């Protein structure tokens, strides 16, 4: 497969993820959209690493996966805290939590 095909797939995933972050109000869907963005970055890293025959792309992709796992853990904890306090995970109500 050509590099262009991987870059096109990555760009589509990135655009879908950005749309999901900007348009969604549900906290879980926003977290899923952020994961799509990070997966698009991983595809780019692996594709360029394979193009240059370098292992650096795969190594950075592994670090990105680790960061994504930490982000999901912390993000889900925040979403559960919001649900416990508000009985809704609608992100437009977060500004009501100001002290």
PDB file of N, CA and C in Angstrom:
ATOM      1  N   UNK A   1       0.832  -1.176   0.000  1.00  0.00           N
ATOM      2  CA  UNK A   1       0.000   0.000   0.000  1.00  0.00           C
ATOM      3  C   UNK A   1       0.881   1.246   0.000  1.00  0.00           C
ATOM      4  N   UNK A   2       0.355   2.298  -0.527  1.00  0.00           N
ATOM      5  CA  UNK A   2       1.104   3.540  -0.629  1.00  0.00           C
ATOM      6  C   UNK A   2       0.941   4.385   0.632  1.00  0.00           C
ATOM      7  N   UNK A   3       1.882   5.289   0.823  1.00  0.00           N
ATOM      8  CA  UNK A   3       1.828   6.193   1.964  1.00  0.00           C
ATOM      9  C   UNK A   3       0.600   7.090   1.891  1.00  0.00           C
ATOM     10  N   UNK A   4       0.199   7.470   0.678  1.00  0.00           N
ATOM     11  CA  UNK A   4      -0.957   8.357   0.509  1.00  0.00           C
ATOM     12  C   UNK A   4      -2.235   7.753   1.084  1.00  0.00           C
ATOM     13  N   UNK A   5      -2.386   6.443   0.956  1.00  0.00           N
ATOM     14  CA  UNK A   5      -3.584   5.799   1.469  1.00  0.00           C
ATOM     15  C   UNK A   5      -3.636   5.864   2.989  1.00  0.00           C
ATOM     16  N   UNK A   6      -2.496   5.660   3.637  1.00  0.00           N
ATOM     17  CA  UNK A   6      -2.456   5.760   5.093  1.00  0.00           C
ATOM     18  C   UNK A   6      -2.692   7.191   5.547  1.00  0.00           C
ATOM     19  N   UNK A   7      -2.129   8.145   4.832  1.00  0.00           N
ATOM     20  CA  UNK A   7      -2.324   9.548   5.202  1.00  0.00           C
ATOM     21  C   UNK A   7      -3.771   9.980   5.004  1.00  0.00           C
ATOM     22  N   UNK A   8      -4.420   9.475   3.966  1.00  0.00           N
ATOM     23  CA  UNK A   8      -5.830   9.789   3.737  1.00  0.00           C
ATOM     24  C   UNK A   8      -6.704   9.198   4.837  1.00  0.00           C
ATOM     25  N   UNK A   9      -6.436   7.954   5.220  1.00  0.00           N
ATOM     26  CA  UNK A   9      -7.172   7.329   6.315  1.00  0.00           C
ATOM     27  C   UNK A   9      -6.962   8.102   7.616  1.00  0.00           C
ATOM     28  N   UNK A  10      -5.731   8.491   7.873  1.00  0.00           N
ATOM     29  CA  UNK A  10      -5.423   9.237   9.080  1.00  0.00           C
ATOM     30  C   UNK A  10      -6.102  10.600   9.090  1.00  0.00           C
ATOM     31  N   UNK A  11      -6.116  11.272   7.953  1.00  0.00           N
ATOM     32  CA  UNK A  11      -6.771  12.575   7.874  1.00  0.00           C
ATOM     33  C   UNK A  11      -8.276  12.450   8.092  1.00  0.00           C
ATOM     34  N   UNK A  12      -8.881  11.401   7.554  1.00  0.00           N
ATOM     35  CA  UNK A  12     -10.316  11.197   7.754  1.00  0.00           C
ATOM     36  C   UNK A  12     -10.618  10.921   9.225  1.00  0.00           C
ATOM     37  N   UNK A  13      -9.824  10.059   9.858  1.00  0.00           N
ATOM     38  CA  UNK A  13     -10.030   9.780  11.276  1.00  0.00           C
ATOM     39  C   UNK A  13      -9.846  11.036  12.121  1.00  0.00           C
ATOM     40  N   UNK A  14      -8.837  11.829  11.783  1.00  0.00           N
ATOM     41  CA  UNK A  14      -8.582  13.058  12.519  1.00  0.00           C
ATOM     42  C   UNK A  14      -9.749  14.031  12.386  1.00  0.00           C
ATOM     43  N   UNK A  15     -10.268  14.186  11.182  1.00  0.00           N
ATOM     44  CA  UNK A  15     -11.395  15.106  10.959  1.00  0.00           C
ATOM     45  C   UNK A  15     -12.647  14.634  11.685  1.00  0.00           C
ATOM     46  N   UNK A  16     -12.910  13.328  11.668  1.00  0.00           N
ATOM     47  CA  UNK A  16     -14.062  12.800  12.398  1.00  0.00           C
ATOM     48  C   UNK A  16     -13.895  13.034  13.895  1.00  0.00           C
ATOM     49  N   UNK A  17     -12.675  12.852  14.394  1.00  0.00           N
ATOM     50  CA  UNK A  17     -12.413  13.077  15.808  1.00  0.00           C
ATOM     51  C   UNK A  17     -12.576  14.529  16.207  1.00  0.00           C
ATOM     52  N   UNK A  18     -12.080  15.440  15.390  1.00  0.00           N
ATOM     53  CA  UNK A  18     -12.229  16.868  15.701  1.00  0.00           C
ATOM     54  C   UNK A  18     -13.696  17.274  15.662  1.00  0.00           C
ATOM     55  N   UNK A  19     -14.434  16.777  14.686  1.00  0.00           N
ATOM     56  CA  UNK A  19     -15.865  17.064  14.637  1.00  0.00           C
ATOM     57  C   UNK A  19     -16.565  16.542  15.881  1.00  0.00           C
ATOM     58  N   UNK A  20     -16.189  15.337  16.317  1.00  0.00           N
ATOM     59  CA  UNK A  20     -16.803  14.766  17.508  1.00  0.00           C
ATOM     60  C   UNK A  20     -16.509  15.569  18.758  1.00  0.00           C
ATOM     61  N   UNK A  21     -15.292  16.082  18.878  1.00  0.00           N
ATOM     62  CA  UNK A  21     -14.946  16.888  20.048  1.00  0.00           C
ATOM     63  C   UNK A  21     -15.711  18.203  20.044  1.00  0.00           C
ATOM     64  N   UNK A  22     -15.839  18.821  18.884  1.00  0.00           N
ATOM     65  CA  UNK A  22     -16.482  20.130  18.808  1.00  0.00           C
ATOM     66  C   UNK A  22     -18.003  20.066  18.840  1.00  0.00           C
ATOM     67  N   UNK A  23     -18.599  19.000  18.321  1.00  0.00           N
ATOM     68  CA  UNK A  23     -20.046  18.967  18.157  1.00  0.00           C
ATOM     69  C   UNK A  23     -20.780  18.190  19.243  1.00  0.00           C
ATOM     70  N   UNK A  24     -20.107  17.296  19.918  1.00  0.00           N
ATOM     71  CA  UNK A  24     -20.793  16.441  20.891  1.00  0.00           C
ATOM     72  C   UNK A  24     -20.878  17.103  22.251  1.00  0.00           C
ATOM     73  N   UNK A  25     -21.936  16.776  22.975  1.00  0.00           N
ATOM     74  CA  UNK A  25     -22.108  17.270  24.332  1.00  0.00           C
ATOM     75  C   UNK A  25     -21.964  16.155  25.354  1.00  0.00           C
ATOM     76  N   UNK A  26     -21.992  14.918  24.900  1.00  0.00           N
ATOM     77  CA  UNK A  26     -21.856  13.771  25.784  1.00  0.00           C
ATOM     78  C   UNK A  26     -20.379  13.550  26.103  1.00  0.00           C
ATOM     79  N   UNK A  27     -20.059  13.424  27.380  1.00  0.00           N
ATOM     80  CA  UNK A  27     -18.669  13.300  27.798  1.00  0.00           C
ATOM     81  C   UNK A  27     -17.987  12.047  27.280  1.00  0.00           C
ATOM     82  N   UNK A  28     -18.697  10.933  27.242  1.00  0.00           N
ATOM     83  CA  UNK A  28     -18.104   9.680  26.766  1.00  0.00           C
ATOM     84  C   UNK A  28     -17.811   9.772  25.270  1.00  0.00           C
ATOM     85  N   UNK A  29     -18.699  10.383  24.504  1.00  0.00           N
ATOM     86  CA  UNK A  29     -18.462  10.523  23.066  1.00  0.00           C
ATOM     87  C   UNK A  29     -17.297  11.466  22.774  1.00  0.00           C
ATOM     88  N   UNK A  30     -17.108  12.474  23.614  1.00  0.00           N
ATOM     89  CA  UNK A  30     -15.954  13.362  23.450  1.00  0.00           C
ATOM     90  C   UNK A  30     -14.668  12.587  23.702  1.00  0.00           C
ATOM     91  N   UNK A  31     -14.664  11.723  24.724  1.00  0.00           N
ATOM     92  CA  UNK A  31     -13.480  10.903  24.987  1.00  0.00           C
ATOM     93  C   UNK A  31     -13.197   9.944  23.825  1.00  0.00           C
ATOM     94  N   UNK A  32     -14.256   9.387  23.246  1.00  0.00           N
ATOM     95  CA  UNK A  32     -14.062   8.505  22.094  1.00  0.00           C
ATOM     96  C   UNK A  32     -13.517   9.279  20.896  1.00  0.00           C
ATOM     97  N   UNK A  33     -13.926  10.512  20.737  1.00  0.00           N
ATOM     98  CA  UNK A  33     -13.420  11.335  19.639  1.00  0.00           C
ATOM     99  C   UNK A  33     -11.949  11.672  19.842  1.00  0.00           C
ATOM    100  N   UNK A  34     -11.553  11.909  21.084  1.00  0.00           N
ATOM    101  CA  UNK A  34     -10.140  12.154  21.366  1.00  0.00           C
ATOM    102  C   UNK A  34      -9.318  10.909  21.054  1.00  0.00           C
ATOM    103  N   UNK A  35      -9.872   9.735  21.338  1.00  0.00           N
ATOM    104  CA  UNK A  35      -9.178   8.490  20.991  1.00  0.00           C
ATOM    105  C   UNK A  35      -9.028   8.346  19.473  1.00  0.00           C
ATOM    106  N   UNK A  36     -10.027   8.773  18.718  1.00  0.00           N
ATOM    107  CA  UNK A  36      -9.899   8.742  17.255  1.00  0.00           C
ATOM    108  C   UNK A  36      -8.761   9.643  16.782  1.00  0.00           C
ATOM    109  N   UNK A  37      -8.642  10.805  17.392  1.00  0.00           N
ATOM    110  CA  UNK A  37      -7.558  11.726  17.031  1.00  0.00           C
ATOM    111  C   UNK A  37      -6.204  11.089  17.336  1.00  0.00           C
ATOM    112  N   UNK A  38      -6.081  10.474  18.511  1.00  0.00           N
ATOM    113  CA  UNK A  38      -4.809   9.844  18.871  1.00  0.00           C
ATOM    114  C   UNK A  38      -4.501   8.645  17.974  1.00  0.00           C
ATOM    115  N   UNK A  39      -5.527   7.907  17.552  1.00  0.00           N
ATOM    116  CA  UNK A  39      -5.294   6.797  16.631  1.00  0.00           C
ATOM    117  C   UNK A  39      -4.865   7.292  15.252  1.00  0.00           C
ATOM    118  N   UNK A  40      -5.373   8.438  14.834  1.00  0.00           N
ATOM    119  CA  UNK A  40      -4.918   9.022  13.570  1.00  0.00           C
ATOM    120  C   UNK A  40      -3.444   9.390  13.651  1.00  0.00           C
ATOM    121  N   UNK A  41      -3.040   9.921  14.794  1.00  0.00           N
ATOM    122  CA  UNK A  41      -1.626  10.238  14.992  1.00  0.00           C
ATOM    123  C   UNK A  41      -0.786   8.971  14.959  1.00  0.00           C
ATOM    124  N   UNK A  42      -1.276   7.899  15.575  1.00  0.00           N
ATOM    125  CA  UNK A  42      -0.537   6.631  15.571  1.00  0.00           C
ATOM    126  C   UNK A  42      -0.370   6.089  14.155  1.00  0.00           C
ATOM    127  N   UNK A  43      -1.402   6.200  13.342  1.00  0.00           N
ATOM    128  CA  UNK A  43      -1.295   5.731  11.957  1.00  0.00           C
ATOM    129  C   UNK A  43      -0.221   6.523  11.215  1.00  0.00           C
ATOM    130  N   UNK A  44      -0.202   7.841  11.427  1.00  0.00           N
ATOM    131  CA  UNK A  44       0.834   8.660  10.792  1.00  0.00           C
ATOM    132  C   UNK A  44       2.229   8.254  11.248  1.00  0.00           C
ATOM    133  N   UNK A  45       2.400   8.054  12.543  1.00  0.00           N
ATOM    134  CA  UNK A  45       3.707   7.696  13.066  1.00  0.00           C
ATOM    135  C   UNK A  45       4.203   6.371  12.489  1.00  0.00           C
ATOM    136  N   UNK A  46       3.329   5.382  12.461  1.00  0.00           N
ATOM    137  CA  UNK A  46       3.729   4.071  11.947  1.00  0.00           C
ATOM    138  C   UNK A  46       3.967   4.128  10.446  1.00  0.00           C
ATOM    139  N   UNK A  47       3.144   4.867   9.721  1.00  0.00           N
ATOM    140  CA  UNK A  47       3.316   4.961   8.264  1.00  0.00           C
ATOM    141  C   UNK A  47       4.627   5.640   7.904  1.00  0.00           C
ATOM    142  N   UNK A  48       4.948   6.749   8.566  1.00  0.00           N
ATOM    143  CA  UNK A  48       6.214   7.425   8.266  1.00  0.00           C
ATOM    144  C   UNK A  48       7.405   6.627   8.765  1.00  0.00           C
ATOM    145  N   UNK A  49       7.226   5.888   9.853  1.00  0.00           N
ATOM    146  CA  UNK A  49       8.297   5.012  10.312  1.00  0.00           C
ATOM    147  C   UNK A  49       8.578   3.889   9.331  1.00  0.00           C
ATOM    148  N   UNK A  50       7.527   3.335   8.748  1.00  0.00           N
ATOM    149  CA  UNK A  50       7.711   2.280   7.747  1.00  0.00           C
ATOM    150  C   UNK A  50       8.302   2.835   6.455  1.00  0.00           C
ATOM    151  N   UNK A  51       7.959   4.074   6.135  1.00  0.00           N
ATOM    152  CA  UNK A  51       8.491   4.685   4.918  1.00  0.00           C
ATOM    153  C   UNK A  51      10.004   4.890   5.014  1.00  0.00           C
ATOM    154  N   UNK A  52      10.464   5.318   6.177  1.00  0.00           N
ATOM    155  CA  UNK A  52      11.894   5.598   6.352  1.00  0.00           C
ATOM    156  C   UNK A  52      12.666   4.422   6.917  1.00  0.00           C
ATOM    157  N   UNK A  53      12.011   3.272   7.089  1.00  0.00           N
ATOM    158  CA  UNK A  53      12.634   2.072   7.673  1.00  0.00           C
ATOM    159  C   UNK A  53      13.273   2.375   9.019  1.00  0.00           C
ATOM    160  N   UNK A  54      12.538   3.109   9.845  1.00  0.00           N
ATOM    161  CA  UNK A  54      13.017   3.496  11.162  1.00  0.00           C
ATOM    162  C   UNK A  54      12.039   2.975  12.213  1.00  0.00           C
ATOM    163  N   UNK A  55      12.567   2.563  13.350  1.00  0.00           N
ATOM    164  CA  UNK A  55      11.734   2.025  14.415  1.00  0.00           C
ATOM    165  C   UNK A  55      11.163   3.148  15.283  1.00  0.00           C
ATOM    166  N   UNK A  56      11.632   4.356  15.098  1.00  0.00           N
ATOM    167  CA  UNK A  56      11.207   5.479  15.921  1.00  0.00           C
ATOM    168  C   UNK A  56       9.720   5.740  15.853  1.00  0.00           C
ATOM    169  N   UNK A  57       9.116   5.549  14.685  1.00  0.00           N
ATOM    170  CA  UNK A  57       7.677   5.763  14.548  1.00  0.00           C
ATOM    171  C   UNK A  57       6.871   4.812  15.410  1.00  0.00           C
ATOM    172  N   UNK A  58       7.279   3.547  15.436  1.00  0.00           N
ATOM    173  CA  UNK A  58       6.583   2.567  16.248  1.00  0.00           C
ATOM    174  C   UNK A  58       6.780   2.835  17.738  1.00  0.00           C
ATOM    175  N   UNK A  59       7.972   3.290  18.113  1.00  0.00           N
ATOM    176  CA  UNK A  59       8.247   3.596  19.512  1.00  0.00           C
ATOM    177  C   UNK A  59       7.388   4.762  19.978  1.00  0.00           C
ATOM    178  N   UNK A  60       7.323   5.811  19.173  1.00  0.00           N
ATOM    179  CA  UNK A  60       6.486   6.949  19.529  1.00  0.00           C
ATOM    180  C   UNK A  60       5.009   6.567  19.539  1.00  0.00           C
ATOM    181  N   UNK A  61       4.604   5.650  18.664  1.00  0.00           N
ATOM    182  CA  UNK A  61       3.213   5.184  18.668  1.00  0.00           C
ATOM    183  C   UNK A  61       2.900   4.448  19.968  1.00  0.00           C
ATOM    184  N   UNK A  62       3.849   3.666  20.470  1.00  0.00           N
ATOM    185  CA  UNK A  62       3.638   2.994  21.753  1.00  0.00           C
ATOM    186  C   UNK A  62       3.501   3.997  22.892  1.00  0.00           C
ATOM    187  N   UNK A  63       4.316   5.056  22.873  1.00  0.00           N
ATOM    188  CA  UNK A  63       4.181   6.096  23.891  1.00  0.00           C
ATOM    189  C   UNK A  63       2.824   6.792  23.784  1.00  0.00           C
ATOM    190  N   UNK A  64       2.362   7.005  22.566  1.00  0.00           N
ATOM    191  CA  UNK A  64       1.066   7.636  22.366  1.00  0.00           C
ATOM    192  C   UNK A  64      -0.061   6.745  22.875  1.00  0.00           C
ATOM    193  N   UNK A  65       0.076   5.445  22.688  1.00  0.00           N
ATOM    194  CA  UNK A  65      -0.930   4.514  23.201  1.00  0.00           C
ATOM    195  C   UNK A  65      -0.953   4.547  24.723  1.00  0.00           C
ATOM    196  N   UNK A  66       0.224   4.645  25.340  1.00  0.00           N
ATOM    197  CA  UNK A  66       0.281   4.734  26.804  1.00  0.00           C
ATOM    198  C   UNK A  66      -0.370   6.022  27.302  1.00  0.00           C
ATOM    199  N   UNK A  67      -0.115   7.123  26.618  1.00  0.00           N
ATOM    200  CA  UNK A  67      -0.742   8.393  26.994  1.00  0.00           C
ATOM    201  C   UNK A  67      -2.257   8.314  26.806  1.00  0.00           C
ATOM    202  N   UNK A  68      -2.694   7.653  25.741  1.00  0.00           N
ATOM    203  CA  UNK A  68      -4.135   7.511  25.494  1.00  0.00           C
ATOM    204  C   UNK A  68      -4.792   6.676  26.589  1.00  0.00           C
ATOM    205  N   UNK A  69      -4.108   5.641  27.064  1.00  0.00           N
ATOM    206  CA  UNK A  69      -4.666   4.819  28.141  1.00  0.00           C
ATOM    207  C   UNK A  69      -4.801   5.632  29.426  1.00  0.00           C
ATOM    208  N   UNK A  70      -3.796   6.446  29.718  1.00  0.00           N
ATOM    209  CA  UNK A  70      -3.874   7.303  30.907  1.00  0.00           C
ATOM    210  C   UNK A  70      -4.979   8.343  30.760  1.00  0.00           C
ATOM    211  N   UNK A  71      -5.121   8.875  29.563  1.00  0.00           N
ATOM    212  CA  UNK A  71      -6.169   9.873  29.306  1.00  0.00           C
ATOM    213  C   UNK A  71      -7.553   9.276  29.487  1.00  0.00           C
ATOM    214  N   UNK A  72      -7.738   8.053  29.050  1.00  0.00           N
ATOM    215  CA  UNK A  72      -9.042   7.403  29.202  1.00  0.00           C
ATOM    216  C   UNK A  72      -9.338   7.167  30.680  1.00  0.00           C
ATOM    217  N   UNK A  73      -8.345   6.731  31.434  1.00  0.00           N
ATOM    218  CA  UNK A  73      -8.565   6.494  32.856  1.00  0.00           C
ATOM    219  C   UNK A  73      -8.956   7.754  33.605  1.00  0.00           C
ATOM    220  N   UNK A  74      -8.224   8.819  33.384  1.00  0.00           N
ATOM    221  CA  UNK A  74      -8.525  10.082  34.056  1.00  0.00           C
ATOM    222  C   UNK A  74      -9.825  10.687  33.521  1.00  0.00           C
ATOM    223  N   UNK A  75     -10.029  10.618  32.214  1.00  0.00           N
ATOM    224  CA  UNK A  75     -11.243  11.169  31.618  1.00  0.00           C
ATOM    225  C   UNK A  75     -12.498  10.464  32.110  1.00  0.00           C
ATOM    226  N   UNK A  76     -12.453   9.139  32.195  1.00  0.00           N
ATOM    227  CA  UNK A  76     -13.626   8.426  32.689  1.00  0.00           C
ATOM    228  C   UNK A  76     -13.881   8.721  34.160  1.00  0.00           C
ATOM    229  N   UNK A  77     -12.821   8.915  34.934  1.00  0.00           N
ATOM    230  CA  UNK A  77     -13.008   9.287  36.336  1.00  0.00           C
ATOM    231  C   UNK A  77     -13.690  10.655  36.439  1.00  0.00           C
ATOM    232  N   UNK A  78     -13.294  11.592  35.605  1.00  0.00           N
ATOM    233  CA  UNK A  78     -13.926  12.917  35.619  1.00  0.00           C
ATOM    234  C   UNK A  78     -15.381  12.827  35.170  1.00  0.00           C
ATOM    235  N   UNK A  79     -15.652  12.032  34.138  1.00  0.00           N
ATOM    236  CA  UNK A  79     -17.030  11.879  33.655  1.00  0.00           C
ATOM    237  C   UNK A  79     -17.897  11.231  34.728  1.00  0.00           C
ATOM    238  N   UNK A  80     -17.368  10.226  35.429  1.00  0.00           N
ATOM    239  CA  UNK A  80     -18.135   9.605  36.507  1.00  0.00           C
ATOM    240  C   UNK A  80     -18.391  10.576  37.653  1.00  0.00           C
ATOM    241  N   UNK A  81     -17.433  11.430  37.956  1.00  0.00           N
ATOM    242  CA  UNK A  81     -17.624  12.441  38.993  1.00  0.00           C
ATOM    243  C   UNK A  81     -18.704  13.446  38.587  1.00  0.00           C
ATOM    244  N   UNK A  82     -18.691  13.854  37.331  1.00  0.00           N
ATOM    245  CA  UNK A  82     -19.727  14.767  36.838  1.00  0.00           C
ATOM    246  C   UNK A  82     -21.090  14.087  36.896  1.00  0.00           C
ATOM    247  N   UNK A  83     -21.158  12.814  36.519  1.00  0.00           N
ATOM    248  CA  UNK A  83     -22.435  12.102  36.563  1.00  0.00           C
ATOM    249  C   UNK A  83     -22.928  11.953  37.996  1.00  0.00           C
ATOM    250  N   UNK A  84     -22.018  11.689  38.919  1.00  0.00           N
ATOM    251  CA  UNK A  84     -22.410  11.533  40.314  1.00  0.00           C
ATOM    252  C   UNK A  84     -22.971  12.838  40.886  1.00  0.00           C
ATOM    253  N   UNK A  85     -22.407  13.964  40.474  1.00  0.00           N
ATOM    254  CA  UNK A  85     -22.870  15.249  40.998  1.00  0.00           C
ATOM    255  C   UNK A  85     -24.099  15.788  40.279  1.00  0.00           C
ATOM    256  N   UNK A  86     -24.202  15.577  38.982  1.00  0.00           N
ATOM    257  CA  UNK A  86     -25.265  16.201  38.177  1.00  0.00           C
ATOM    258  C   UNK A  86     -26.301  15.232  37.626  1.00  0.00           C
ATOM    259  N   UNK A  87     -26.077  13.926  37.708  1.00  0.00           N
ATOM    260  CA  UNK A  87     -26.961  12.907  37.127  1.00  0.00           C
ATOM    261  C   UNK A  87     -27.093  13.048  35.613  1.00  0.00           C
ATOM    262  N   UNK A  88     -26.071  13.632  35.001  1.00  0.00           N
ATOM    263  CA  UNK A  88     -26.029  13.785  33.550  1.00  0.00           C
ATOM    264  C   UNK A  88     -24.573  13.958  33.147  1.00  0.00           C
ATOM    265  N   UNK A  89     -24.228  13.484  31.963  1.00  0.00           N
ATOM    266  CA  UNK A  89     -22.865  13.681  31.479  1.00  0.00           C
ATOM    267  C   UNK A  89     -22.834  14.685  30.333  1.00  0.00           C
ATOM    268  N   UNK A  90     -23.803  15.573  30.336  1.00  0.00           N
ATOM    269  CA  UNK A  90     -23.862  16.635  29.348  1.00  0.00           C
ATOM    270  C   UNK A  90     -22.784  17.672  29.668  1.00  0.00           C
ATOM    271  N   UNK A  91     -21.876  17.890  28.744  1.00  0.00           N
ATOM    272  CA  UNK A  91     -20.745  18.776  29.004  1.00  0.00           C
ATOM    273  C   UNK A  91     -21.129  20.246  29.013  1.00  0.00           C
ATOM    274  N   UNK A  92     -22.307  20.581  28.536  1.00  0.00           N
ATOM    275  CA  UNK A  92     -22.719  21.984  28.578  1.00  0.00           C
ATOM    276  C   UNK A  92     -23.103  22.414  29.996  1.00  0.00           C
ATOM    277  N   UNK A  93     -23.284  21.475  30.909  1.00  0.00           N
ATOM    278  CA  UNK A  93     -23.623  21.801  32.289  1.00  0.00           C
ATOM    279  C   UNK A  93     -22.404  21.902  33.199  1.00  0.00           C
ATOM    280  N   UNK A  94     -21.222  21.732  32.664  1.00  0.00           N
ATOM    281  CA  UNK A  94     -20.021  21.759  33.492  1.00  0.00           C
ATOM    282  C   UNK A  94     -19.773  23.141  34.063  1.00  0.00           C
ATOM    283  N   UNK A  95     -20.131  24.189  33.349  1.00  0.00           N
ATOM    284  CA  UNK A  95     -19.895  25.538  33.865  1.00  0.00           C
ATOM    285  C   UNK A  95     -20.726  25.828  35.112  1.00  0.00           C
ATOM    286  N   UNK A  96     -21.746  25.021  35.385  1.00  0.00           N
ATOM    287  CA  UNK A  96     -22.528  25.188  36.609  1.00  0.00           C
ATOM    288  C   UNK A  96     -21.765  24.718  37.840  1.00  0.00           C
ATOM    289  N   UNK A  97     -20.675  23.989  37.641  1.00  0.00           N
ATOM    290  CA  UNK A  97     -19.908  23.440  38.761  1.00  0.00           C
ATOM    291  C   UNK A  97     -18.874  24.425  39.301  1.00  0.00           C
ATOM    292  N   UNK A  98     -18.844  25.635  38.772  1.00  0.00           N
ATOM    293  CA  UNK A  98     -17.891  26.624  39.273  1.00  0.00           C
ATOM    294  C   UNK A  98     -18.224  26.977  40.715  1.00  0.00           C
ATOM    295  N   UNK A  99     -17.169  27.136  41.532  1.00  0.00           N
ATOM    296  CA  UNK A  99     -17.379  27.364  42.954  1.00  0.00           C
ATOM    297  C   UNK A  99     -17.487  28.731  43.291  1.00  0.00           C
TER     298      UNK A  99
END
